Protein backbone atom coordinates (compact mmCIF):
# COMPACT_ATOMS: atom_id res chain seq x y z
CA MET A 1 0.00 0.00 0.00
CA ILE A 2 1.51 3.31 -1.11
CA ASP A 3 0.91 6.49 0.88
CA VAL A 4 0.30 9.15 -1.77
CA ASN A 5 0.58 11.97 0.78
CA THR A 6 4.30 11.26 1.21
CA GLU A 7 5.11 9.67 -2.16
CA LEU A 8 4.06 12.79 -4.05
CA PHE A 9 6.67 14.97 -2.34
CA LYS A 10 9.60 12.51 -2.17
CA ARG A 11 12.78 13.10 -4.09
CA THR A 12 11.98 10.72 -6.90
CA ALA A 13 12.23 11.13 -10.66
CA PRO A 14 9.12 12.88 -12.03
CA VAL A 15 8.56 10.18 -14.66
CA ARG A 16 8.51 7.55 -11.91
CA LYS A 17 6.05 9.65 -9.86
CA ILE A 18 3.72 9.87 -12.86
CA GLY A 19 3.89 6.10 -13.27
CA ILE A 20 3.11 5.57 -9.60
CA ILE A 21 0.10 7.90 -9.65
CA GLU A 22 -1.30 6.40 -12.86
CA ASN A 23 -1.12 2.90 -11.35
CA LEU A 24 -2.70 3.72 -7.97
CA LYS A 25 -5.92 1.98 -7.03
CA GLN A 26 -9.10 3.78 -6.01
CA GLU A 27 -8.67 3.10 -2.29
CA GLU A 28 -5.10 4.45 -2.32
CA LEU A 29 -6.08 7.65 -4.11
CA SER A 30 -9.05 8.21 -1.83
CA ARG A 31 -6.59 8.60 1.07
CA VAL A 32 -5.15 11.84 -0.32
CA SER A 33 -5.62 14.37 2.47
CA GLU A 34 -6.80 17.94 2.27
CA THR A 35 -3.39 19.14 3.52
CA THR A 36 -1.75 17.43 0.52
CA ILE A 37 -4.18 19.17 -1.83
CA LEU A 38 -3.48 22.50 -0.07
CA ARG A 39 0.25 21.97 -0.54
CA ILE A 40 -0.30 21.20 -4.23
CA VAL A 41 -2.29 24.42 -4.69
CA LYS A 42 0.23 26.56 -2.81
CA GLU A 43 3.29 25.13 -4.59
CA THR A 44 2.05 25.11 -8.19
CA GLY A 45 -1.05 27.30 -8.25
CA ARG A 46 -1.10 30.84 -9.54
CA ARG A 47 -1.18 33.43 -6.81
CA ILE A 48 -3.78 36.11 -7.25
CA ARG A 49 -1.92 39.40 -7.21
CA GLY A 50 -1.99 41.33 -3.97
CA THR A 51 -3.69 38.56 -1.98
CA ARG A 52 -2.96 35.24 -0.32
CA ASP A 53 -5.36 33.47 -2.64
CA TYR A 54 -4.42 30.87 -5.26
CA GLU A 55 -5.91 29.38 -8.40
CA PHE A 56 -4.86 25.92 -9.53
CA TYR A 57 -6.09 25.03 -13.02
CA VAL A 58 -5.82 21.55 -14.49
CA HIS A 59 -4.66 21.40 -18.11
CA PRO A 60 -7.65 20.67 -20.41
CA ASP A 61 -6.05 17.38 -21.57
CA ARG A 62 -5.88 16.11 -17.96
CA ARG A 63 -9.28 17.33 -16.72
CA LYS A 64 -11.63 14.68 -15.40
CA GLY A 65 -15.35 14.82 -14.89
CA ASN A 66 -18.35 12.61 -14.44
CA LYS A 67 -18.34 11.40 -18.08
CA TRP A 68 -21.74 12.96 -18.54
CA ASN A 69 -22.21 16.70 -18.22
CA SER A 70 -19.48 18.29 -16.13
CA VAL A 71 -15.74 18.53 -15.68
CA ILE A 72 -13.49 19.81 -12.89
CA GLU A 73 -11.44 22.81 -14.01
CA GLY A 74 -9.28 23.12 -10.92
CA LEU A 75 -9.05 24.34 -7.35
CA TRP A 76 -9.48 27.73 -5.78
CA LEU A 77 -8.02 28.79 -2.44
CA TYR A 78 -9.78 31.94 -1.26
CA LYS A 79 -9.36 33.37 2.24
CA GLY A 80 -8.02 30.05 3.47
CA LYS A 81 -10.98 28.02 2.19
CA LEU A 82 -10.41 25.43 -0.53
CA SER A 83 -13.01 25.08 -3.28
CA VAL A 84 -13.44 23.05 -6.45
CA MET A 85 -14.16 24.77 -9.78
CA VAL A 86 -16.79 22.80 -11.71
CA TYR A 87 -17.78 23.44 -15.33
CA VAL A 88 -21.28 22.11 -16.07
CA GLN A 89 -22.83 21.92 -19.53
CA PHE A 90 -26.43 21.13 -20.47
CA SER A 91 -28.41 21.52 -23.66
CA ASN A 92 -29.35 25.12 -22.96
CA THR A 93 -26.85 26.28 -20.37
CA ASP A 94 -23.22 26.02 -19.41
CA THR A 95 -21.65 27.60 -16.38
CA SER A 96 -18.74 27.46 -13.97
CA LEU A 97 -19.44 26.92 -10.28
CA ILE A 98 -17.43 27.06 -7.09
CA VAL A 99 -18.19 24.16 -4.72
CA PRO A 100 -16.64 23.87 -1.24
CA PHE A 101 -13.91 21.22 -1.20
CA ASN A 102 -15.22 19.40 1.88
CA ASP A 103 -18.75 19.21 0.47
CA PHE A 104 -17.54 17.83 -2.84
CA PHE A 105 -15.17 15.21 -1.42
CA LYS A 106 -17.43 13.89 1.36
CA ARG A 107 -17.98 10.14 1.45
CA GLY A 108 -20.64 8.98 -0.96
CA ASP A 109 -21.98 10.58 -4.10
CA PHE A 110 -21.98 14.34 -4.61
CA ARG A 111 -25.14 15.70 -6.21
CA GLY A 112 -24.92 19.29 -7.36
CA THR A 113 -27.78 21.42 -8.61
CA ILE A 114 -28.07 24.46 -10.81
CA LYS A 115 -31.23 26.52 -10.93
CA ARG A 116 -31.72 28.37 -14.22
CA ASP A 117 -34.67 29.78 -16.10
CA ASP A 118 -35.55 28.25 -19.44
CA ARG A 119 -36.25 30.41 -22.47
CA TYR A 120 -39.83 31.00 -21.30
CA GLY A 121 -38.76 32.19 -17.86
CA ASN A 122 -39.77 29.04 -16.03
CA PRO A 123 -37.34 27.93 -13.31
CA GLN A 124 -35.54 24.66 -14.11
CA THR A 125 -33.30 22.58 -11.88
CA HIS A 126 -30.33 20.82 -13.49
CA TYR A 127 -28.29 18.14 -11.71
CA TYR A 128 -24.76 16.81 -11.97
CA VAL A 129 -23.57 13.81 -9.97
CA TYR A 130 -20.10 12.59 -9.00
CA ASP A 131 -19.71 9.11 -7.55
CA GLU A 132 -16.66 7.81 -5.67
CA LYS A 133 -14.88 6.65 -8.86
CA ASP A 134 -15.32 10.05 -10.52
CA LYS A 135 -13.98 11.88 -7.46
CA VAL A 136 -10.93 9.60 -7.29
CA GLU A 137 -10.16 10.33 -10.95
CA VAL A 138 -10.42 14.05 -10.18
CA ILE A 139 -7.84 13.65 -7.39
CA ARG A 140 -5.62 11.70 -9.81
CA SER A 141 -5.82 14.60 -12.27
CA PHE A 142 -4.82 17.06 -9.51
CA CYS A 143 -1.76 14.96 -8.64
CA LEU A 144 -0.73 14.52 -12.28
CA GLU A 145 -1.14 18.24 -12.95
CA TYR A 146 1.02 19.01 -9.90
CA ILE A 147 3.86 16.82 -11.16
CA ASN A 148 3.60 18.06 -14.75
CA THR A 149 3.61 21.69 -13.60
CA LYS A 150 6.31 21.46 -10.94
CA TYR A 151 8.73 19.34 -12.97
CA LYS A 152 7.94 20.78 -16.41
CA SER A 153 11.58 21.41 -17.36
CA LYS A 154 12.75 17.96 -16.25
CA LEU A 155 9.89 16.22 -18.07
CA SER A 156 10.51 18.15 -21.31
CA ASN A 157 14.23 17.20 -21.25
CA ASN A 158 13.40 13.48 -21.09
CA GLU A 159 11.24 13.47 -24.22
């Protein structure tokens, strides 16, 4: 059993780290702690000028979603609170949302809602659901983006 919280920050070759993360099982990835995610955001996220806030965007090729109607764009650290940026697309609407990190990554399925008016002005509720497998793949994409961002020069030299 590999502890991702320590393995991610060890002095190991970046290519080997990518291989380890890609081969991790669901139960191993679900053990990634919030402090590890915070460290990822603070080390490789973009700092918002003049504040202590950070934005951590996942490259579009590595973004994961629920294979239905939404995708996770990245993480947002604002006033010490970590949030997940979710892009949701339906037939008549698409929008980006900020969801609290702890709410999104609670045990069990996450069911998000969007309330929008249709073209006639009638309120409509749209849903997007993330199960445990989808959330684990989102964490995998965060870890892979961290390694690819932090060790960009070393990874480009190897190719």
